[in-house]
Amino acid sequence: MKKFTKVLLVASLLAGAGFSQSVLAATSKPIPGSTGSLATHTEALTVKADGNGGFNADFGNTWGQYINGVSGATTQNKLFTDLYTFTVGGPAETSGTVSAGFTSTQDVYIGAFDIYNSANVLVVKGENQVVSNGTNKNDFWALPDGATLSAGNYTLKITGQVLGSAGGYYGGGVSVTSAVPEAETTAMLLAGLGLVGFVGRRKAKKAA
C-alpha cells in the first residue's frame, strides 16, 4: 500500500472530525465501567473497485441517546462490537484508519480496530494513537504500514464503548491494494532477469 493513500485517509478523517491542523499528542481519557453490551452490528463493506484488483471502502456507526428509541434504555456506557465483512481475491496490502468524534454530549471510545480471517484468527492488529485538537480528546486508530492479506474472507472488527450522554459516533476508511507488482517494477525485474541471462550466455560461449 502506498503511503500517500494512507495519508489521504488520515487527512480526510481528521478534517471530518473537526481537528485543527496542529494535532497534539494526548493521554488516554478515563473510561468508566460498562453498564452492559449493545447488540453486535454486522454488515458487509460497500466497496469501490480501484481498477487494479483492489478496493476502497468507508464505514461508520452512530448511536443516539436511547437504545432503539426506547426512553430510559440509554446507550451511555454500553459496550459495542461492530463487524464489517469483506473478501480479498488475491495477495494484497491493506491500510485503514478510524476516528471517533467528541462533543459535550456525544463521545465514543474505540478499544480495538483489527482484521480477522474466516477462522476468526487475528491477522492484522490496529494501532491506537490518541490525538487532540487542544481542547477535545478524540480516539484515532490505524492499521500498521505494510499489513498484508492473502486471498480469502475477512472481518474488520471494531470494539469499544459509547460514553456520551447523547450517544456518539465514529467513521473510518479501509483500502485493499493488489500486491501484484506495478508495471514499472515488473519491467525492472524483467530487465534484470534479461541481463542475468545475457551474462550467463556470454560466459557459456567463452567456456566453449
N, C-alpha and C. Protein backbone atom coordinates (compact mmCIF):
# COMPACT_ATOMS: atom_id res chain seq x y z
N MET A 1 0.85 -1.20 0.00
CA MET A 1 0.00 0.00 0.00
C MET A 1 0.88 1.24 0.00
N LYS A 2 0.64 2.12 -0.93
CA LYS A 2 1.43 3.33 -0.97
C LYS A 2 1.07 4.22 0.21
N LYS A 3 2.12 4.85 0.79
CA LYS A 3 1.92 5.64 1.99
C LYS A 3 0.99 6.82 1.76
N PHE A 4 1.00 7.38 0.52
CA PHE A 4 0.18 8.57 0.31
C PHE A 4 -1.31 8.25 0.41
N THR A 5 -1.69 6.99 0.10
CA THR A 5 -3.09 6.59 0.24
C THR A 5 -3.51 6.65 1.70
N LYS A 6 -2.63 6.15 2.56
CA LYS A 6 -2.92 6.16 3.99
C LYS A 6 -2.97 7.59 4.51
N VAL A 7 -2.06 8.42 4.02
CA VAL A 7 -2.03 9.81 4.44
C VAL A 7 -3.33 10.50 4.06
N LEU A 8 -3.84 10.22 2.85
CA LEU A 8 -5.10 10.82 2.43
C LEU A 8 -6.24 10.37 3.31
N LEU A 9 -6.26 9.09 3.68
CA LEU A 9 -7.30 8.60 4.56
C LEU A 9 -7.25 9.31 5.90
N VAL A 10 -6.05 9.42 6.45
CA VAL A 10 -5.88 10.08 7.74
C VAL A 10 -6.31 11.54 7.66
N ALA A 11 -5.86 12.23 6.61
CA ALA A 11 -6.18 13.65 6.47
C ALA A 11 -7.68 13.88 6.36
N SER A 12 -8.36 13.02 5.59
CA SER A 12 -9.80 13.21 5.42
C SER A 12 -10.55 12.96 6.72
N LEU A 13 -10.10 11.96 7.50
CA LEU A 13 -10.78 11.67 8.75
C LEU A 13 -10.56 12.78 9.77
N LEU A 14 -9.35 13.27 9.85
CA LEU A 14 -9.07 14.33 10.80
C LEU A 14 -9.85 15.59 10.46
N ALA A 15 -9.93 15.88 9.16
CA ALA A 15 -10.69 17.06 8.73
C ALA A 15 -12.16 16.87 9.04
N GLY A 16 -12.68 15.67 8.80
CA GLY A 16 -14.09 15.42 9.05
C GLY A 16 -14.44 15.45 10.52
N ALA A 17 -13.48 15.10 11.37
CA ALA A 17 -13.74 15.09 12.81
C ALA A 17 -13.54 16.45 13.44
N GLY A 18 -13.15 17.44 12.65
CA GLY A 18 -13.02 18.79 13.17
C GLY A 18 -11.69 19.07 13.84
N PHE A 19 -10.65 18.32 13.51
CA PHE A 19 -9.34 18.56 14.10
C PHE A 19 -8.73 19.83 13.52
N SER A 20 -7.91 20.49 14.32
CA SER A 20 -7.14 21.61 13.81
C SER A 20 -5.95 21.07 13.05
N GLN A 21 -5.25 21.92 12.34
CA GLN A 21 -4.09 21.47 11.58
C GLN A 21 -2.96 21.05 12.51
N SER A 22 -2.91 21.60 13.70
CA SER A 22 -1.87 21.25 14.65
C SER A 22 -2.40 20.17 15.57
N VAL A 23 -2.04 18.91 15.29
CA VAL A 23 -2.52 17.79 16.07
C VAL A 23 -1.51 17.48 17.17
N LEU A 24 -1.96 17.48 18.40
CA LEU A 24 -1.08 17.29 19.53
C LEU A 24 -1.29 15.93 20.16
N ALA A 25 -0.21 15.34 20.70
CA ALA A 25 -0.33 14.08 21.39
C ALA A 25 -1.08 14.31 22.70
N ALA A 26 -1.87 13.33 23.11
CA ALA A 26 -2.65 13.48 24.34
C ALA A 26 -2.70 12.16 25.08
N THR A 27 -2.97 12.21 26.36
CA THR A 27 -3.06 10.99 27.15
C THR A 27 -4.45 10.38 26.98
N SER A 28 -4.55 9.07 27.25
CA SER A 28 -5.83 8.39 27.12
C SER A 28 -6.82 8.92 28.14
N LYS A 29 -8.06 9.05 27.73
CA LYS A 29 -9.10 9.54 28.65
C LYS A 29 -9.56 8.41 29.55
N PRO A 30 -10.02 8.71 30.75
CA PRO A 30 -10.51 7.66 31.65
C PRO A 30 -11.80 7.05 31.12
N ILE A 31 -11.91 5.74 31.23
CA ILE A 31 -13.09 5.03 30.73
C ILE A 31 -13.86 4.45 31.92
N PRO A 32 -15.11 4.87 32.10
CA PRO A 32 -15.90 4.35 33.21
C PRO A 32 -16.29 2.89 32.99
N GLY A 33 -16.74 2.24 34.05
CA GLY A 33 -17.19 0.86 33.93
C GLY A 33 -18.40 0.76 33.02
N SER A 34 -18.51 -0.33 32.29
CA SER A 34 -19.63 -0.50 31.36
C SER A 34 -20.90 -0.89 32.12
N THR A 35 -22.04 -0.64 31.49
CA THR A 35 -23.33 -0.99 32.08
C THR A 35 -24.07 -2.01 31.21
N GLY A 36 -23.29 -2.81 30.47
CA GLY A 36 -23.90 -3.81 29.60
C GLY A 36 -23.37 -3.69 28.19
N SER A 37 -23.94 -4.48 27.28
CA SER A 37 -23.49 -4.50 25.89
C SER A 37 -24.65 -4.27 24.93
N LEU A 38 -24.35 -3.57 23.85
CA LEU A 38 -25.31 -3.37 22.77
C LEU A 38 -25.27 -4.58 21.84
N ALA A 39 -26.31 -4.77 21.07
CA ALA A 39 -26.33 -5.89 20.12
C ALA A 39 -25.21 -5.74 19.10
N THR A 40 -24.56 -6.85 18.77
CA THR A 40 -23.48 -6.83 17.77
C THR A 40 -24.03 -6.38 16.43
N HIS A 41 -23.31 -5.47 15.80
CA HIS A 41 -23.71 -4.96 14.48
C HIS A 41 -22.83 -5.60 13.42
N THR A 42 -23.42 -6.23 12.41
CA THR A 42 -22.67 -6.88 11.34
C THR A 42 -23.19 -6.43 9.98
N GLU A 43 -22.27 -6.07 9.09
CA GLU A 43 -22.66 -5.72 7.73
C GLU A 43 -21.47 -5.92 6.79
N ALA A 44 -21.76 -6.10 5.52
CA ALA A 44 -20.70 -6.24 4.52
C ALA A 44 -20.24 -4.84 4.10
N LEU A 45 -18.94 -4.68 3.96
CA LEU A 45 -18.41 -3.41 3.49
C LEU A 45 -18.93 -3.12 2.09
N THR A 46 -19.32 -1.88 1.84
CA THR A 46 -19.67 -1.46 0.48
C THR A 46 -18.40 -0.97 -0.18
N VAL A 47 -17.86 -1.77 -1.10
CA VAL A 47 -16.54 -1.48 -1.65
C VAL A 47 -16.64 -0.78 -3.00
N LYS A 48 -15.61 -0.01 -3.30
CA LYS A 48 -15.48 0.66 -4.59
C LYS A 48 -14.18 0.19 -5.22
N ALA A 49 -14.30 -0.55 -6.34
CA ALA A 49 -13.12 -1.10 -7.00
C ALA A 49 -12.18 0.01 -7.44
N ASP A 50 -10.87 -0.24 -7.29
CA ASP A 50 -9.88 0.77 -7.70
C ASP A 50 -9.38 0.56 -9.12
N GLY A 51 -9.88 -0.47 -9.82
CA GLY A 51 -9.47 -0.73 -11.20
C GLY A 51 -8.20 -1.53 -11.33
N ASN A 52 -7.57 -1.85 -10.19
CA ASN A 52 -6.32 -2.62 -10.22
C ASN A 52 -6.40 -3.87 -9.36
N GLY A 53 -7.60 -4.37 -9.15
CA GLY A 53 -7.76 -5.58 -8.36
C GLY A 53 -8.01 -5.33 -6.89
N GLY A 54 -8.00 -4.07 -6.47
CA GLY A 54 -8.23 -3.75 -5.07
C GLY A 54 -9.50 -2.94 -4.91
N PHE A 55 -9.70 -2.37 -3.74
CA PHE A 55 -10.89 -1.56 -3.49
C PHE A 55 -10.68 -0.60 -2.33
N ASN A 56 -11.59 0.36 -2.25
CA ASN A 56 -11.65 1.29 -1.12
C ASN A 56 -13.04 1.18 -0.52
N ALA A 57 -13.17 1.43 0.76
CA ALA A 57 -14.47 1.39 1.41
C ALA A 57 -14.46 2.28 2.64
N ASP A 58 -15.61 2.87 2.94
CA ASP A 58 -15.72 3.61 4.20
C ASP A 58 -16.82 2.97 5.05
N PHE A 59 -16.82 3.29 6.32
CA PHE A 59 -17.74 2.66 7.26
C PHE A 59 -17.92 3.60 8.46
N GLY A 60 -18.89 3.29 9.28
CA GLY A 60 -19.11 4.10 10.47
C GLY A 60 -20.38 3.69 11.18
N ASN A 61 -20.55 4.21 12.38
CA ASN A 61 -21.76 3.91 13.14
C ASN A 61 -22.09 5.09 14.04
N THR A 62 -23.36 5.26 14.33
CA THR A 62 -23.84 6.35 15.17
C THR A 62 -24.84 5.79 16.19
N TRP A 63 -24.72 6.24 17.42
CA TRP A 63 -25.65 5.84 18.47
C TRP A 63 -26.36 7.08 19.00
N GLY A 64 -27.67 6.98 19.14
CA GLY A 64 -28.44 8.05 19.76
C GLY A 64 -28.44 7.88 21.27
N GLN A 65 -29.23 8.67 21.94
CA GLN A 65 -29.27 8.61 23.40
C GLN A 65 -29.89 7.31 23.90
N TYR A 66 -30.93 6.84 23.18
CA TYR A 66 -31.68 5.68 23.65
C TYR A 66 -31.48 4.47 22.75
N ILE A 67 -31.60 3.30 23.35
CA ILE A 67 -31.50 2.05 22.60
C ILE A 67 -32.80 1.80 21.87
N ASN A 68 -32.74 1.74 20.55
CA ASN A 68 -33.93 1.52 19.71
C ASN A 68 -35.03 2.55 19.99
N GLY A 69 -34.61 3.74 20.42
CA GLY A 69 -35.58 4.81 20.64
C GLY A 69 -36.43 4.68 21.87
N VAL A 70 -36.12 3.69 22.72
CA VAL A 70 -36.91 3.46 23.93
C VAL A 70 -36.42 4.35 25.06
N SER A 71 -37.26 5.26 25.51
CA SER A 71 -36.88 6.18 26.57
C SER A 71 -36.50 5.43 27.84
N GLY A 72 -35.37 5.81 28.42
CA GLY A 72 -34.91 5.16 29.65
C GLY A 72 -33.85 4.11 29.41
N ALA A 73 -33.89 3.47 28.25
CA ALA A 73 -32.87 2.48 27.89
C ALA A 73 -31.75 3.20 27.15
N THR A 74 -30.81 3.75 27.88
CA THR A 74 -29.79 4.60 27.27
C THR A 74 -28.60 3.79 26.74
N THR A 75 -27.90 4.39 25.79
CA THR A 75 -26.70 3.77 25.22
C THR A 75 -25.44 4.12 26.01
N GLN A 76 -25.52 5.09 26.90
CA GLN A 76 -24.34 5.57 27.61
C GLN A 76 -23.68 4.44 28.41
N ASN A 77 -22.36 4.33 28.25
CA ASN A 77 -21.50 3.35 28.94
C ASN A 77 -21.77 1.91 28.51
N LYS A 78 -22.45 1.72 27.39
CA LYS A 78 -22.66 0.38 26.85
C LYS A 78 -21.49 0.01 25.93
N LEU A 79 -21.08 -1.25 25.98
CA LEU A 79 -20.04 -1.77 25.09
C LEU A 79 -20.65 -2.07 23.73
N PHE A 80 -19.83 -1.94 22.67
CA PHE A 80 -20.32 -2.28 21.33
C PHE A 80 -19.29 -3.12 20.58
N THR A 81 -19.79 -3.92 19.65
CA THR A 81 -18.95 -4.70 18.73
C THR A 81 -19.54 -4.55 17.34
N ASP A 82 -18.74 -4.00 16.41
CA ASP A 82 -19.17 -3.82 15.03
C ASP A 82 -18.29 -4.67 14.12
N LEU A 83 -18.92 -5.43 13.23
CA LEU A 83 -18.20 -6.33 12.33
C LEU A 83 -18.50 -5.95 10.89
N TYR A 84 -17.44 -5.74 10.10
CA TYR A 84 -17.57 -5.39 8.68
C TYR A 84 -16.86 -6.46 7.87
N THR A 85 -17.60 -7.19 7.06
CA THR A 85 -17.03 -8.31 6.31
C THR A 85 -16.62 -7.87 4.90
N PHE A 86 -15.58 -8.53 4.38
CA PHE A 86 -15.12 -8.26 3.01
C PHE A 86 -14.32 -9.44 2.50
N THR A 87 -14.10 -9.47 1.19
CA THR A 87 -13.38 -10.56 0.54
C THR A 87 -12.20 -10.02 -0.25
N VAL A 88 -11.08 -10.71 -0.16
CA VAL A 88 -9.88 -10.36 -0.92
C VAL A 88 -9.64 -11.45 -1.95
N GLY A 89 -9.46 -11.06 -3.21
CA GLY A 89 -9.33 -12.03 -4.29
C GLY A 89 -7.95 -12.61 -4.47
N GLY A 90 -6.93 -11.95 -3.94
CA GLY A 90 -5.56 -12.41 -4.09
C GLY A 90 -4.66 -11.69 -3.12
N PRO A 91 -3.36 -11.99 -3.15
CA PRO A 91 -2.43 -11.31 -2.23
C PRO A 91 -2.61 -9.80 -2.31
N ALA A 92 -2.69 -9.15 -1.15
CA ALA A 92 -2.97 -7.71 -1.15
C ALA A 92 -2.36 -7.05 0.07
N GLU A 93 -2.18 -5.75 -0.05
CA GLU A 93 -1.76 -4.93 1.08
C GLU A 93 -2.97 -4.11 1.52
N THR A 94 -3.05 -3.83 2.80
CA THR A 94 -4.20 -3.08 3.30
C THR A 94 -3.78 -1.97 4.23
N SER A 95 -4.56 -0.91 4.27
CA SER A 95 -4.35 0.16 5.23
C SER A 95 -5.72 0.71 5.60
N GLY A 96 -5.80 1.35 6.73
CA GLY A 96 -7.09 1.89 7.15
C GLY A 96 -6.97 2.73 8.39
N THR A 97 -7.95 3.57 8.63
CA THR A 97 -7.99 4.41 9.81
C THR A 97 -9.43 4.53 10.30
N VAL A 98 -9.58 4.84 11.55
CA VAL A 98 -10.88 5.10 12.13
C VAL A 98 -10.71 6.12 13.24
N SER A 99 -11.67 7.04 13.37
CA SER A 99 -11.61 8.03 14.43
C SER A 99 -12.99 8.24 15.01
N ALA A 100 -13.04 8.59 16.29
CA ALA A 100 -14.29 8.82 16.98
C ALA A 100 -14.43 10.29 17.33
N GLY A 101 -15.59 10.86 17.05
CA GLY A 101 -15.82 12.26 17.35
C GLY A 101 -16.14 12.48 18.83
N PHE A 102 -16.05 13.74 19.25
CA PHE A 102 -16.30 14.08 20.65
C PHE A 102 -16.96 15.44 20.74
N THR A 103 -18.08 15.49 21.45
CA THR A 103 -18.71 16.77 21.78
C THR A 103 -19.02 16.73 23.28
N SER A 104 -19.69 17.74 23.78
CA SER A 104 -20.00 17.76 25.21
C SER A 104 -20.98 16.66 25.60
N THR A 105 -21.76 16.16 24.64
CA THR A 105 -22.75 15.13 24.97
C THR A 105 -22.59 13.85 24.16
N GLN A 106 -21.75 13.86 23.13
CA GLN A 106 -21.55 12.67 22.31
C GLN A 106 -20.08 12.26 22.35
N ASP A 107 -19.84 11.00 22.65
CA ASP A 107 -18.46 10.52 22.76
C ASP A 107 -18.45 9.00 22.62
N VAL A 108 -17.45 8.51 21.90
CA VAL A 108 -17.27 7.07 21.73
C VAL A 108 -15.80 6.74 21.98
N TYR A 109 -15.57 5.69 22.73
CA TYR A 109 -14.22 5.17 22.96
C TYR A 109 -14.02 3.94 22.10
N ILE A 110 -12.96 3.93 21.30
CA ILE A 110 -12.63 2.76 20.47
C ILE A 110 -11.55 1.96 21.17
N GLY A 111 -11.84 0.70 21.44
CA GLY A 111 -10.89 -0.14 22.17
C GLY A 111 -10.07 -1.06 21.29
N ALA A 112 -10.53 -1.33 20.05
CA ALA A 112 -9.78 -2.20 19.14
C ALA A 112 -10.24 -1.97 17.72
N PHE A 113 -9.29 -2.13 16.79
CA PHE A 113 -9.54 -1.94 15.36
C PHE A 113 -8.68 -2.97 14.64
N ASP A 114 -9.24 -4.16 14.38
CA ASP A 114 -8.46 -5.30 13.93
C ASP A 114 -9.12 -6.01 12.75
N ILE A 115 -8.34 -6.87 12.08
CA ILE A 115 -8.86 -7.70 10.99
C ILE A 115 -8.67 -9.17 11.36
N TYR A 116 -9.75 -9.95 11.20
CA TYR A 116 -9.72 -11.39 11.47
C TYR A 116 -10.00 -12.15 10.18
N ASN A 117 -9.44 -13.36 10.07
CA ASN A 117 -9.73 -14.18 8.90
C ASN A 117 -10.98 -15.02 9.14
N SER A 118 -11.32 -15.88 8.18
CA SER A 118 -12.56 -16.66 8.26
C SER A 118 -12.54 -17.67 9.41
N ALA A 119 -11.35 -17.99 9.92
CA ALA A 119 -11.24 -18.90 11.06
C ALA A 119 -11.24 -18.14 12.39
N ASN A 120 -11.57 -16.85 12.32
CA ASN A 120 -11.62 -15.97 13.49
C ASN A 120 -10.26 -15.83 14.16
N VAL A 121 -9.21 -15.84 13.35
CA VAL A 121 -7.85 -15.65 13.84
C VAL A 121 -7.41 -14.22 13.52
N LEU A 122 -6.85 -13.53 14.50
CA LEU A 122 -6.37 -12.17 14.30
C LEU A 122 -5.21 -12.16 13.31
N VAL A 123 -5.34 -11.40 12.21
CA VAL A 123 -4.27 -11.34 11.21
C VAL A 123 -3.65 -9.95 11.07
N VAL A 124 -4.41 -8.91 11.40
CA VAL A 124 -3.87 -7.54 11.38
C VAL A 124 -4.38 -6.82 12.62
N LYS A 125 -3.47 -6.37 13.46
CA LYS A 125 -3.85 -5.69 14.71
C LYS A 125 -3.67 -4.18 14.54
N GLY A 126 -4.73 -3.44 14.78
CA GLY A 126 -4.67 -1.99 14.67
C GLY A 126 -3.84 -1.37 15.77
N GLU A 127 -3.38 -0.14 15.51
CA GLU A 127 -2.54 0.58 16.46
C GLU A 127 -3.26 1.85 16.91
N ASN A 128 -3.30 2.07 18.22
CA ASN A 128 -4.02 3.20 18.80
C ASN A 128 -3.11 4.41 18.97
N GLN A 129 -3.65 5.57 18.62
CA GLN A 129 -2.96 6.82 18.90
C GLN A 129 -4.02 7.84 19.30
N VAL A 130 -3.98 8.30 20.53
CA VAL A 130 -4.94 9.29 20.99
C VAL A 130 -4.43 10.66 20.59
N VAL A 131 -5.25 11.44 19.91
CA VAL A 131 -4.83 12.76 19.45
C VAL A 131 -5.83 13.81 19.93
N SER A 132 -5.42 15.05 19.88
CA SER A 132 -6.27 16.11 20.39
C SER A 132 -6.09 17.38 19.58
N ASN A 133 -7.13 18.19 19.51
CA ASN A 133 -7.02 19.49 18.86
C ASN A 133 -6.75 20.59 19.89
N GLY A 134 -6.36 20.16 21.07
CA GLY A 134 -6.02 21.11 22.12
C GLY A 134 -7.11 21.29 23.14
N THR A 135 -8.34 20.87 22.80
CA THR A 135 -9.45 21.02 23.75
C THR A 135 -10.18 19.69 23.95
N ASN A 136 -10.67 19.12 22.86
CA ASN A 136 -11.43 17.88 22.95
C ASN A 136 -10.59 16.69 22.54
N LYS A 137 -10.67 15.61 23.32
CA LYS A 137 -9.94 14.40 23.01
C LYS A 137 -10.72 13.56 21.98
N ASN A 138 -10.00 12.91 21.08
CA ASN A 138 -10.60 12.04 20.07
C ASN A 138 -9.76 10.78 19.94
N ASP A 139 -10.41 9.66 19.73
CA ASP A 139 -9.69 8.40 19.51
C ASP A 139 -9.37 8.25 18.04
N PHE A 140 -8.15 7.79 17.78
CA PHE A 140 -7.72 7.58 16.40
C PHE A 140 -6.92 6.28 16.33
N TRP A 141 -7.30 5.40 15.39
CA TRP A 141 -6.61 4.12 15.20
C TRP A 141 -6.21 3.98 13.74
N ALA A 142 -5.15 3.20 13.50
CA ALA A 142 -4.70 2.94 12.13
C ALA A 142 -4.18 1.51 12.03
N LEU A 143 -4.37 0.90 10.86
CA LEU A 143 -3.75 -0.39 10.59
C LEU A 143 -2.28 -0.15 10.31
N PRO A 144 -1.39 -1.05 10.72
CA PRO A 144 0.04 -0.83 10.57
C PRO A 144 0.49 -0.80 9.11
N ASP A 145 1.53 -0.04 8.83
CA ASP A 145 2.10 0.01 7.47
C ASP A 145 2.57 -1.38 7.05
N GLY A 146 2.33 -1.72 5.79
CA GLY A 146 2.81 -2.98 5.26
C GLY A 146 1.97 -4.19 5.62
N ALA A 147 0.77 -3.98 6.19
CA ALA A 147 -0.10 -5.11 6.54
C ALA A 147 -0.54 -5.83 5.27
N THR A 148 -0.43 -7.14 5.24
CA THR A 148 -0.77 -7.91 4.04
C THR A 148 -1.86 -8.93 4.32
N LEU A 149 -2.60 -9.27 3.28
CA LEU A 149 -3.66 -10.27 3.36
C LEU A 149 -3.54 -11.21 2.16
N SER A 150 -3.85 -12.48 2.37
CA SER A 150 -3.92 -13.43 1.26
C SER A 150 -5.37 -13.52 0.81
N ALA A 151 -5.62 -14.27 -0.25
CA ALA A 151 -6.98 -14.41 -0.76
C ALA A 151 -7.87 -15.04 0.32
N GLY A 152 -9.08 -14.54 0.46
CA GLY A 152 -9.98 -15.12 1.44
C GLY A 152 -11.01 -14.13 1.96
N ASN A 153 -11.78 -14.58 2.94
CA ASN A 153 -12.81 -13.75 3.56
C ASN A 153 -12.31 -13.21 4.90
N TYR A 154 -12.64 -11.95 5.17
CA TYR A 154 -12.13 -11.28 6.37
C TYR A 154 -13.23 -10.48 7.05
N THR A 155 -12.95 -10.13 8.31
CA THR A 155 -13.86 -9.29 9.09
C THR A 155 -13.05 -8.19 9.76
N LEU A 156 -13.45 -6.96 9.51
CA LEU A 156 -12.88 -5.81 10.20
C LEU A 156 -13.69 -5.64 11.48
N LYS A 157 -13.04 -5.75 12.62
CA LYS A 157 -13.74 -5.75 13.91
C LYS A 157 -13.39 -4.50 14.71
N ILE A 158 -14.41 -3.76 15.10
CA ILE A 158 -14.23 -2.56 15.91
C ILE A 158 -15.01 -2.74 17.21
N THR A 159 -14.32 -2.61 18.33
CA THR A 159 -14.99 -2.72 19.62
C THR A 159 -14.72 -1.46 20.43
N GLY A 160 -15.59 -1.19 21.38
CA GLY A 160 -15.40 -0.01 22.22
C GLY A 160 -16.58 0.22 23.13
N GLN A 161 -16.78 1.48 23.50
CA GLN A 161 -17.82 1.83 24.46
C GLN A 161 -18.39 3.20 24.13
N VAL A 162 -19.71 3.29 24.17
CA VAL A 162 -20.39 4.58 23.99
C VAL A 162 -20.32 5.33 25.32
N LEU A 163 -19.72 6.52 25.33
CA LEU A 163 -19.54 7.26 26.57
C LEU A 163 -20.48 8.45 26.72
N GLY A 164 -20.93 9.03 25.61
CA GLY A 164 -21.71 10.25 25.65
C GLY A 164 -23.11 10.06 26.20
N SER A 165 -23.60 11.07 26.91
CA SER A 165 -24.96 11.01 27.44
C SER A 165 -25.99 11.02 26.32
N ALA A 166 -25.60 11.53 25.14
CA ALA A 166 -26.49 11.54 23.97
C ALA A 166 -25.97 10.61 22.88
N GLY A 167 -25.17 9.61 23.26
CA GLY A 167 -24.65 8.66 22.28
C GLY A 167 -23.30 9.07 21.74
N GLY A 168 -23.07 8.79 20.47
CA GLY A 168 -21.79 9.13 19.85
C GLY A 168 -21.67 8.53 18.46
N TYR A 169 -20.49 8.67 17.87
CA TYR A 169 -20.30 8.19 16.50
C TYR A 169 -18.81 8.00 16.21
N TYR A 170 -18.54 7.20 15.17
CA TYR A 170 -17.18 7.07 14.64
C TYR A 170 -17.27 6.88 13.13
N GLY A 171 -16.18 7.10 12.43
CA GLY A 171 -16.13 6.88 10.99
C GLY A 171 -14.72 6.51 10.58
N GLY A 172 -14.61 5.78 9.48
CA GLY A 172 -13.28 5.37 9.03
C GLY A 172 -13.28 4.92 7.58
N GLY A 173 -12.13 4.48 7.13
CA GLY A 173 -11.98 4.00 5.76
C GLY A 173 -10.90 2.94 5.70
N VAL A 174 -11.01 2.04 4.72
CA VAL A 174 -10.02 1.00 4.52
C VAL A 174 -9.75 0.84 3.03
N SER A 175 -8.50 0.55 2.69
CA SER A 175 -8.10 0.31 1.30
C SER A 175 -7.39 -1.03 1.20
N VAL A 176 -7.71 -1.77 0.16
CA VAL A 176 -7.03 -3.03 -0.13
C VAL A 176 -6.45 -2.91 -1.53
N THR A 177 -5.15 -3.07 -1.65
CA THR A 177 -4.46 -2.91 -2.93
C THR A 177 -3.79 -4.21 -3.35
N SER A 178 -4.01 -4.61 -4.57
CA SER A 178 -3.40 -5.83 -5.09
C SER A 178 -1.89 -5.78 -4.91
N ALA A 179 -1.32 -6.91 -4.46
CA ALA A 179 0.12 -6.99 -4.25
C ALA A 179 0.87 -7.34 -5.53
N VAL A 180 0.15 -7.43 -6.67
CA VAL A 180 0.81 -7.71 -7.96
C VAL A 180 1.75 -6.54 -8.27
N PRO A 181 3.00 -6.80 -8.65
CA PRO A 181 3.94 -5.72 -8.91
C PRO A 181 3.42 -4.74 -9.96
N GLU A 182 3.71 -3.44 -9.77
CA GLU A 182 3.30 -2.44 -10.74
C GLU A 182 4.09 -2.61 -12.03
N ALA A 183 3.60 -2.01 -13.11
CA ALA A 183 4.21 -2.18 -14.43
C ALA A 183 5.68 -1.79 -14.41
N GLU A 184 6.01 -0.69 -13.73
CA GLU A 184 7.40 -0.22 -13.69
C GLU A 184 8.28 -1.23 -12.96
N THR A 185 7.77 -1.77 -11.85
CA THR A 185 8.52 -2.76 -11.09
C THR A 185 8.72 -4.03 -11.91
N THR A 186 7.66 -4.45 -12.61
CA THR A 186 7.75 -5.65 -13.45
C THR A 186 8.77 -5.46 -14.56
N ALA A 187 8.77 -4.28 -15.18
CA ALA A 187 9.72 -4.00 -16.26
C ALA A 187 11.15 -4.07 -15.74
N MET A 188 11.40 -3.51 -14.56
CA MET A 188 12.75 -3.55 -13.99
C MET A 188 13.17 -4.98 -13.68
N LEU A 189 12.22 -5.77 -13.17
CA LEU A 189 12.51 -7.16 -12.86
C LEU A 189 12.86 -7.94 -14.12
N LEU A 190 12.08 -7.75 -15.18
CA LEU A 190 12.34 -8.44 -16.44
C LEU A 190 13.67 -8.02 -17.03
N ALA A 191 13.97 -6.71 -16.91
CA ALA A 191 15.24 -6.22 -17.43
C ALA A 191 16.40 -6.86 -16.68
N GLY A 192 16.23 -6.99 -15.35
CA GLY A 192 17.28 -7.61 -14.55
C GLY A 192 17.48 -9.07 -14.91
N LEU A 193 16.38 -9.79 -15.10
CA LEU A 193 16.48 -11.19 -15.48
C LEU A 193 17.11 -11.34 -16.86
N GLY A 194 16.77 -10.43 -17.75
CA GLY A 194 17.36 -10.47 -19.09
C GLY A 194 18.85 -10.26 -19.04
N LEU A 195 19.29 -9.33 -18.18
CA LEU A 195 20.73 -9.05 -18.05
C LEU A 195 21.45 -10.27 -17.49
N VAL A 196 20.85 -10.91 -16.50
CA VAL A 196 21.46 -12.11 -15.93
C VAL A 196 21.59 -13.19 -16.99
N GLY A 197 20.54 -13.36 -17.79
CA GLY A 197 20.57 -14.37 -18.84
C GLY A 197 21.64 -14.07 -19.89
N PHE A 198 21.77 -12.78 -20.25
CA PHE A 198 22.76 -12.37 -21.24
C PHE A 198 24.16 -12.68 -20.75
N VAL A 199 24.44 -12.32 -19.47
CA VAL A 199 25.76 -12.58 -18.90
C VAL A 199 26.03 -14.07 -18.87
N GLY A 200 25.01 -14.85 -18.55
CA GLY A 200 25.19 -16.30 -18.48
C GLY A 200 25.52 -16.87 -19.85
N ARG A 201 24.88 -16.37 -20.90
CA ARG A 201 25.16 -16.86 -22.26
C ARG A 201 26.57 -16.50 -22.68
N ARG A 202 27.03 -15.29 -22.33
CA ARG A 202 28.39 -14.86 -22.70
C ARG A 202 29.42 -15.77 -22.05
N LYS A 203 29.20 -16.09 -20.77
CA LYS A 203 30.13 -16.97 -20.07
C LYS A 203 30.15 -18.36 -20.70
N ALA A 204 28.97 -18.82 -21.13
CA ALA A 204 28.89 -20.15 -21.74
C ALA A 204 29.64 -20.18 -23.05
N LYS A 205 29.55 -19.09 -23.86
CA LYS A 205 30.25 -19.01 -25.14
C LYS A 205 31.75 -19.01 -24.91
N LYS A 206 32.23 -18.24 -23.93
CA LYS A 206 33.67 -18.16 -23.64
C LYS A 206 34.20 -19.52 -23.21
N ALA A 207 33.42 -20.23 -22.42
CA ALA A 207 33.83 -21.55 -21.94
C ALA A 207 33.95 -22.51 -23.11
N ALA A 208 33.06 -22.37 -24.11
CA ALA A 208 33.09 -23.24 -25.27
C ALA A 208 34.29 -22.94 -26.12
